[in-house]
Amino acid sequence: VQLVESGGGLVQPGGSLRLSCAASGFTFSNSVMSWHRQAPGKEREMVAFISTSGGYTNYVESVKGRFTISRDNAKNTVYLQMNSLKPEDTAVYYCKRVGANPYWGQGTQVTVSS
């Protein structure tokens, strides 16, 4: 099982980033997926999750209307489009395979700063 995140970086407040998480080693289309983040000194929190088909999504209140989770089962990839970024979005972002055998990626750093 492997989850590899990419797309993080430094962006100014109000900017956008698109994170990707490429999955391998398991049946991606059968797996609920989620994005989480952990800021320095804070606990890891779930940001968004998406059903196997992509037909159902849910978000933490602080990102609703700004972030969009999506998936491409043909490419075994889950995405997190982040718009209107704020300094408080700064964190390491992780993707996760949800379920009885959870699995985490290694994370990608997102820094929102002017």
C-alpha atoms as a PDB file:
ATOM      1  CA  VAL A   1       0.000   0.000   0.000  1.00  0.00           C
ATOM      2  CA  GLN A   2       1.305   3.417  -0.892  1.00  0.00           C
ATOM      3  CA  LEU A   3      -0.150   6.924  -0.747  1.00  0.00           C
ATOM      4  CA  VAL A   4       1.985   9.729  -2.160  1.00  0.00           C
ATOM      5  CA  GLU A   5       0.891  13.334  -1.691  1.00  0.00           C
ATOM      6  CA  SER A   6       2.112  16.193  -3.855  1.00  0.00           C
ATOM      7  CA  GLY A   7       1.231  19.771  -4.688  1.00  0.00           C
ATOM      8  CA  GLY A   8       2.096  21.529  -1.457  1.00  0.00           C
ATOM      9  CA  GLY A   9       4.157  24.676  -1.263  1.00  0.00           C
ATOM     10  CA  LEU A  10       4.265  28.312  -0.280  1.00  0.00           C
ATOM     11  CA  VAL A  11       1.329  30.491  -1.332  1.00  0.00           C
ATOM     12  CA  GLN A  12       0.165  33.977  -0.443  1.00  0.00           C
ATOM     13  CA  PRO A  13      -3.096  34.538   1.463  1.00  0.00           C
ATOM     14  CA  GLY A  14      -5.999  34.364  -0.946  1.00  0.00           C
ATOM     15  CA  GLY A  15      -4.140  32.044  -3.265  1.00  0.00           C
ATOM     16  CA  SER A  16      -4.889  28.487  -4.371  1.00  0.00           C
ATOM     17  CA  LEU A  17      -3.205  25.113  -4.345  1.00  0.00           C
ATOM     18  CA  ARG A  18      -4.258  21.702  -5.583  1.00  0.00           C
ATOM     19  CA  LEU A  19      -3.029  18.701  -3.644  1.00  0.00           C
ATOM     20  CA  SER A  20      -2.907  15.247  -5.181  1.00  0.00           C
ATOM     21  CA  CYS A  21      -2.628  11.842  -3.541  1.00  0.00           C
ATOM     22  CA  ALA A  22      -1.641   8.955  -5.776  1.00  0.00           C
ATOM     23  CA  ALA A  23      -2.634   5.547  -4.447  1.00  0.00           C
ATOM     24  CA  SER A  24      -1.274   2.119  -5.235  1.00  0.00           C
ATOM     25  CA  GLY A  25      -1.248  -1.373  -3.800  1.00  0.00           C
ATOM     26  CA  PHE A  26      -4.948  -1.623  -3.064  1.00  0.00           C
ATOM     27  CA  THR A  27      -8.334  -1.312  -4.770  1.00  0.00           C
ATOM     28  CA  PHE A  28      -8.657   2.450  -4.724  1.00  0.00           C
ATOM     29  CA  SER A  29     -12.182   2.549  -6.113  1.00  0.00           C
ATOM     30  CA  ASN A  30     -13.429   0.531  -3.109  1.00  0.00           C
ATOM     31  CA  SER A  31     -11.851   2.844  -0.542  1.00  0.00           C
ATOM     32  CA  VAL A  32     -13.265   5.889   1.182  1.00  0.00           C
ATOM     33  CA  MET A  33     -10.534   8.528   1.217  1.00  0.00           C
ATOM     34  CA  SER A  34      -9.909  11.608   3.317  1.00  0.00           C
ATOM     35  CA  TRP A  35      -7.581  14.557   3.710  1.00  0.00           C
ATOM     36  CA  HIS A  36      -6.255  15.621   7.101  1.00  0.00           C
ATOM     37  CA  ARG A  37      -3.922  18.322   8.301  1.00  0.00           C
ATOM     38  CA  GLN A  38      -1.694  18.977  11.257  1.00  0.00           C
ATOM     39  CA  ALA A  39      -0.435  22.399  12.172  1.00  0.00           C
ATOM     40  CA  PRO A  40       2.572  22.888  14.506  1.00  0.00           C
ATOM     41  CA  GLY A  41       1.556  22.297  18.097  1.00  0.00           C
ATOM     42  CA  LYS A  42      -1.933  21.143  17.154  1.00  0.00           C
ATOM     43  CA  GLU A  43      -3.661  17.816  16.798  1.00  0.00           C
ATOM     44  CA  ARG A  44      -4.270  16.326  13.394  1.00  0.00           C
ATOM     45  CA  GLU A  45      -7.750  17.120  12.102  1.00  0.00           C
ATOM     46  CA  MET A  46      -9.823  15.765   9.276  1.00  0.00           C
ATOM     47  CA  VAL A  47     -10.378  18.341   6.544  1.00  0.00           C
ATOM     48  CA  ALA A  48     -12.562  16.430   4.094  1.00  0.00           C
ATOM     49  CA  PHE A  49     -13.592  12.965   3.056  1.00  0.00           C
ATOM     50  CA  ILE A  50     -15.100  11.438  -0.056  1.00  0.00           C
ATOM     51  CA  SER A  51     -17.101   8.299  -0.712  1.00  0.00           C
ATOM     52  CA  THR A  52     -15.915   5.550  -3.009  1.00  0.00           C
ATOM     53  CA  SER A  53     -17.827   6.886  -6.004  1.00  0.00           C
ATOM     54  CA  GLY A  54     -17.225  10.521  -5.168  1.00  0.00           C
ATOM     55  CA  GLY A  55     -20.922  11.129  -4.787  1.00  0.00           C
ATOM     56  CA  TYR A  56     -20.709  12.086  -1.135  1.00  0.00           C
ATOM     57  CA  THR A  57     -18.292  14.528   0.443  1.00  0.00           C
ATOM     58  CA  ASN A  58     -18.015  16.257   3.783  1.00  0.00           C
ATOM     59  CA  TYR A  59     -15.817  19.024   5.137  1.00  0.00           C
ATOM     60  CA  VAL A  60     -14.724  20.522   8.403  1.00  0.00           C
ATOM     61  CA  GLU A  61     -16.568  23.775   8.954  1.00  0.00           C
ATOM     62  CA  SER A  62     -13.474  25.961   8.637  1.00  0.00           C
ATOM     63  CA  VAL A  63     -12.888  24.982   4.978  1.00  0.00           C
ATOM     64  CA  LYS A  64     -16.443  24.738   3.685  1.00  0.00           C
ATOM     65  CA  GLY A  65     -16.881  26.813   0.537  1.00  0.00           C
ATOM     66  CA  ARG A  66     -13.109  27.101   0.019  1.00  0.00           C
ATOM     67  CA  PHE A  67     -11.851  23.516  -0.349  1.00  0.00           C
ATOM     68  CA  THR A  68     -13.108  20.793  -2.672  1.00  0.00           C
ATOM     69  CA  ILE A  69     -12.242  17.120  -2.433  1.00  0.00           C
ATOM     70  CA  SER A  70     -12.544  14.978  -5.548  1.00  0.00           C
ATOM     71  CA  ARG A  71     -11.271  11.695  -6.902  1.00  0.00           C
ATOM     72  CA  ASP A  72     -10.458  10.021 -10.188  1.00  0.00           C
ATOM     73  CA  ASN A  73     -10.826   6.277  -9.761  1.00  0.00           C
ATOM     74  CA  ALA A  74      -9.338   5.649 -13.200  1.00  0.00           C
ATOM     75  CA  LYS A  75      -6.146   7.376 -12.060  1.00  0.00           C
ATOM     76  CA  ASN A  76      -6.212   6.080  -8.459  1.00  0.00           C
ATOM     77  CA  THR A  77      -5.889   9.651  -7.259  1.00  0.00           C
ATOM     78  CA  VAL A  78      -7.694  11.853  -4.764  1.00  0.00           C
ATOM     79  CA  TYR A  79      -7.415  15.639  -4.912  1.00  0.00           C
ATOM     80  CA  LEU A  80      -7.907  18.592  -2.619  1.00  0.00           C
ATOM     81  CA  GLN A  81      -8.487  21.905  -4.343  1.00  0.00           C
ATOM     82  CA  MET A  82      -7.815  24.709  -1.882  1.00  0.00           C
ATOM     83  CA  ASN A  83      -8.938  28.231  -2.711  1.00  0.00           C
ATOM     84  CA  SER A  84      -8.956  31.473  -0.738  1.00  0.00           C
ATOM     85  CA  LEU A  85      -6.189  30.150   1.451  1.00  0.00           C
ATOM     86  CA  LYS A  86      -5.600  31.704   4.848  1.00  0.00           C
ATOM     87  CA  PRO A  87      -2.536  31.705   7.115  1.00  0.00           C
ATOM     88  CA  GLU A  88      -4.417  29.372   9.466  1.00  0.00           C
ATOM     89  CA  ASP A  89      -4.504  26.754   6.700  1.00  0.00           C
ATOM     90  CA  THR A  90      -0.759  26.329   7.123  1.00  0.00           C
ATOM     91  CA  ALA A  91      -0.113  22.695   8.016  1.00  0.00           C
ATOM     92  CA  VAL A  92       1.174  19.390   6.794  1.00  0.00           C
ATOM     93  CA  TYR A  93      -1.595  17.792   4.738  1.00  0.00           C
ATOM     94  CA  TYR A  94      -2.050  14.030   4.681  1.00  0.00           C
ATOM     95  CA  CYS A  95      -4.288  11.764   2.688  1.00  0.00           C
ATOM     96  CA  LYS A  96      -5.699   8.658   4.287  1.00  0.00           C
ATOM     97  CA  ARG A  97      -7.360   5.455   3.250  1.00  0.00           C
ATOM     98  CA  VAL A  98     -10.331   5.213   5.582  1.00  0.00           C
ATOM     99  CA  GLY A  99     -11.646   1.949   6.945  1.00  0.00           C
ATOM    100  CA  ALA A 100     -10.733  -1.176   8.847  1.00  0.00           C
ATOM    101  CA  ASN A 101      -7.153  -0.988   7.584  1.00  0.00           C
ATOM    102  CA  PRO A 102      -6.376   2.735   7.544  1.00  0.00           C
ATOM    103  CA  TYR A 103      -3.263   3.946   5.831  1.00  0.00           C
ATOM    104  CA  TRP A 104      -1.599   7.377   5.763  1.00  0.00           C
ATOM    105  CA  GLY A 105       0.549   9.131   3.237  1.00  0.00           C
ATOM    106  CA  GLN A 106       3.766  10.879   4.233  1.00  0.00           C
ATOM    107  CA  GLY A 107       2.269  14.362   4.020  1.00  0.00           C
ATOM    108  CA  THR A 108       2.932  17.533   2.058  1.00  0.00           C
ATOM    109  CA  GLN A 109       3.646  20.936   3.572  1.00  0.00           C
ATOM    110  CA  VAL A 110       1.315  23.841   2.823  1.00  0.00           C
ATOM    111  CA  THR A 111       2.442  27.273   3.979  1.00  0.00           C
ATOM    112  CA  VAL A 112       0.206  30.313   3.561  1.00  0.00           C
ATOM    113  CA  SER A 113       2.156  33.477   4.161  1.00  0.00           C
ATOM    114  CA  SER A 114       2.862  36.847   2.625  1.00  0.00           C
END
